[in-house]
């Protein structure tokens, strides 16, 4: 009977809505449970009438809170068009342009599809617009120029290389007031594609949008204050060549004051502003003021410009070579099919076109009527903090205002903590020591959590189940998320029960709220000192929780974790948390697909598990408060452990296959297949080796694991070995990415005989007065060629006729030159200057330098062979093998 009464007393003590105010009941509880987390020290404060959380209620509140915010984020992403369109931009007509451009198929530089058919279609549509303008008598002039520039430049993308282009194509259209403009705005898209992709999203849809925006602006009855150039550039996929040709050579470029660049890193969805500037805050202000469906983040800008994302856009060219500011927009959703044959027009929703068109048209109209464009130098200095809230409104303010705001919030936080330390009875130094210890414990819990998750990720990799989440993203969340959350809950539960045995739970909850506030505040100060505009994120994560806690001080002091307190506390977190969850969505939407094309050397499990862990740590920061408001966490830990165990068993059993060929939601495995013939010459010019084969590259970590059962020849016996004395290992790399993909396969096959073979000729060799040797070459071949230079030990590449004349430093000792041409290009002539070695290396190949040239046939009859087609047919439906014919020829001098 006494046991039943005790249990009843304990049940009454537990749970939301059950006060523990009766001294006699407290004494019974202490006697039964040794304090149960409450103070048993008579010198400490007596218990007061405070509520604690039931474990189930606390877990449910957090789960529902996160779920509701995640649903809000996804609903906002699906709402492509907000409100009613003005009707100025016709998305249906733009869609017809998109379908017409993509109907010709892939459009690599140099192909008839790119240089003739697409150019003809663009010119035809522009002529229609010209005729409309002339017939309507609108106060504008419209001029067209087809530019075919030749040039060269160096870029530090992908480790650094040099680019040379010859007669690539630009279609430039200038819309100007009748009086003629002094200043121009530039709008840029590109109509070329990578090989084997129709490129609907990258970047035909942007060109379709620009055609319709041009049509709308040209038919305005109101005269424009400034002019605008619409540049349809035909060589962006060749590493930004056509934009360089325009901004450095076209006469209209001298009047360009700012630009808008339309790009894609995914297929469809919302176009996001992810770069602006440099400086020139008036551009962001123009977007904020004019865009009808805003979607922007300065966080994306700082992440992208950090180089973490292996991509680049024409924004870099206009910024670095044109010294003009701009706005960079890109579609980022569904990057799984970016640069694949699935990038088709039918996957792009008309509403996606409508929102992009509404935004670009509104922003351009605003800029073309603005004072700032006419004298942009006056408004140049300063950066902007900008971000949108669920795509409804954009918040933007100058970075200097952001710095002031950040320091005000930080000062308010430190004042809040200082006042708590100075309260009577808190013992000042004792409070600060407890705060410091709790902060140290929290950071320790983060490290333990990260190590625990990485251990699981390593186990997944060792089990051979890497990338199981590629077609099942939430499986990764359900595997790594419970480990991260469970480890943190466990660490804090152990601390509560073992380290804080004599401290009241409500005091611990208050302490760990202060810890979360302190750690976010430290990151706020650090970001601000670094000059990062992204400091607004920790500012939000400090300001709103702090304000909510101050407003709820009385409620928590007198009633503890009451229902009212818990609900209002979560509401106070809602705005910063919903924005933070949007940023988390952006991170996973970009990086998850990227891990499917990051090469064979980067373990994707470590990357994705780290991202999941960081997201969990950041989201859990202000929920530590709840961990210390519940008496027990055993059911939470049991639930998280069960979820982890279930998903781990399903993963280990192989039930999560990484790839999918489902047309509705494809997740293809990316493979490059080249049918190549390689020829190697010695110092005397004799052929010392020659072979032909099918060279296969996997561009994700699983390599050929899932392909080998279907194509048994692609096994370890066919793996290639890098010849260090051959430029770029002796293989025809199209881009300098051999450091990303070191696992590749070579299957013997007959020689290739392209109709346009490479003719590589040493025109002259002369010794200079400085003791260097100048080698002059002439090359003819297909539209895409790559040149590799490998100075021998002791030799040094001093200068060349490419780029700005000075070869970019390369830590590997090799040099990569990317060449392409449009139609009717002459022979490519260039020279290099070598400093010979003082003492030849007897173990080396002899001579000064090894020079190799490879050719790439991306279109026409030369692109395919019977043997390659036979291999391609054996690949499963869930693979995307991008294929072409190539050659590799090496010479020593």
Foldseek 3Di string as FASTA:
>chain_A
DVVVVLVVLVVLQAAFPRWPADPVSQVSVCVVPVQLLAFPDPVDDDDHGAHFHAQVVLVVLLVVLLVVLLVLLVVLLVCLADDDFPPLFDLVQLLVQLCQLLVVPAFAFFDCSQPPVNVVVVVVLVVVLQVVLVVVVAQKDKDKDKDFFWAKAKDCAPNIFIATEGGFIKIKMKIAGNVAAQAEEEEEAESHAFFAASCSVFPSSSVSLVSRLVSSVSPDNDHFRHMYMYIHGHHVVLPQPRLLRCCVPPPVNVRYAEYEYEGALAAATAKEFQAWDPFLAVLVVLLQVFQNQHAYAPVSNVVVVVCPANDDGNQCSCCPVNVHIYIYIYHQFHSLCVRFHLRGSVRYDSSRSSNVSRSVSRSVRSVRRDPCSVPVVVRGHFHKGWGDFSRPHIDIDTLVVVLVLLVVLLVVLVVVLQVCLPDPPNVNVVLVVLLVVLLVLLVVLLVVLLVQLVVVLVVCVVLLLFLLCQVPVVLLCLQLVLSLVLSSLVSLVCCSVPVSSNHHLLVVLVSLLSSLLVVLSVVLVVCSVVSRSVSVLSSLVNVLLVVLCVVCVVVCVNYNPHPVSSVSNSVSCSRSVSRVVSVLVSVCSRVSSVQLQQAQPDRVSSVVSNSSNVSSSNSCSNVSSSSSSRSDNVVVSVVSVVSNVVSVVCSSVPVRDNFDLPSVRGNFFEKAKAFEKEWEAAQVRHTPDIFTWIKMFGRHNSTCVPVCVLVVVPDPVFWDDFDLQAFPSRDFDQDPCCVRYVTMGTGGDDHADDPWDKDKDFPDWDADPVRKIKTKIWIDGAFWKKKKKAWDPQKDWAFKPGHPTGFDDRPSRMHMYIYGYYPPGDIDMMMTIMRAGPDDDPPHSDATMKMKMKDWDSDDPQFDDPVVVVVVVSGDSRHGHRGGYMYMYMYGD
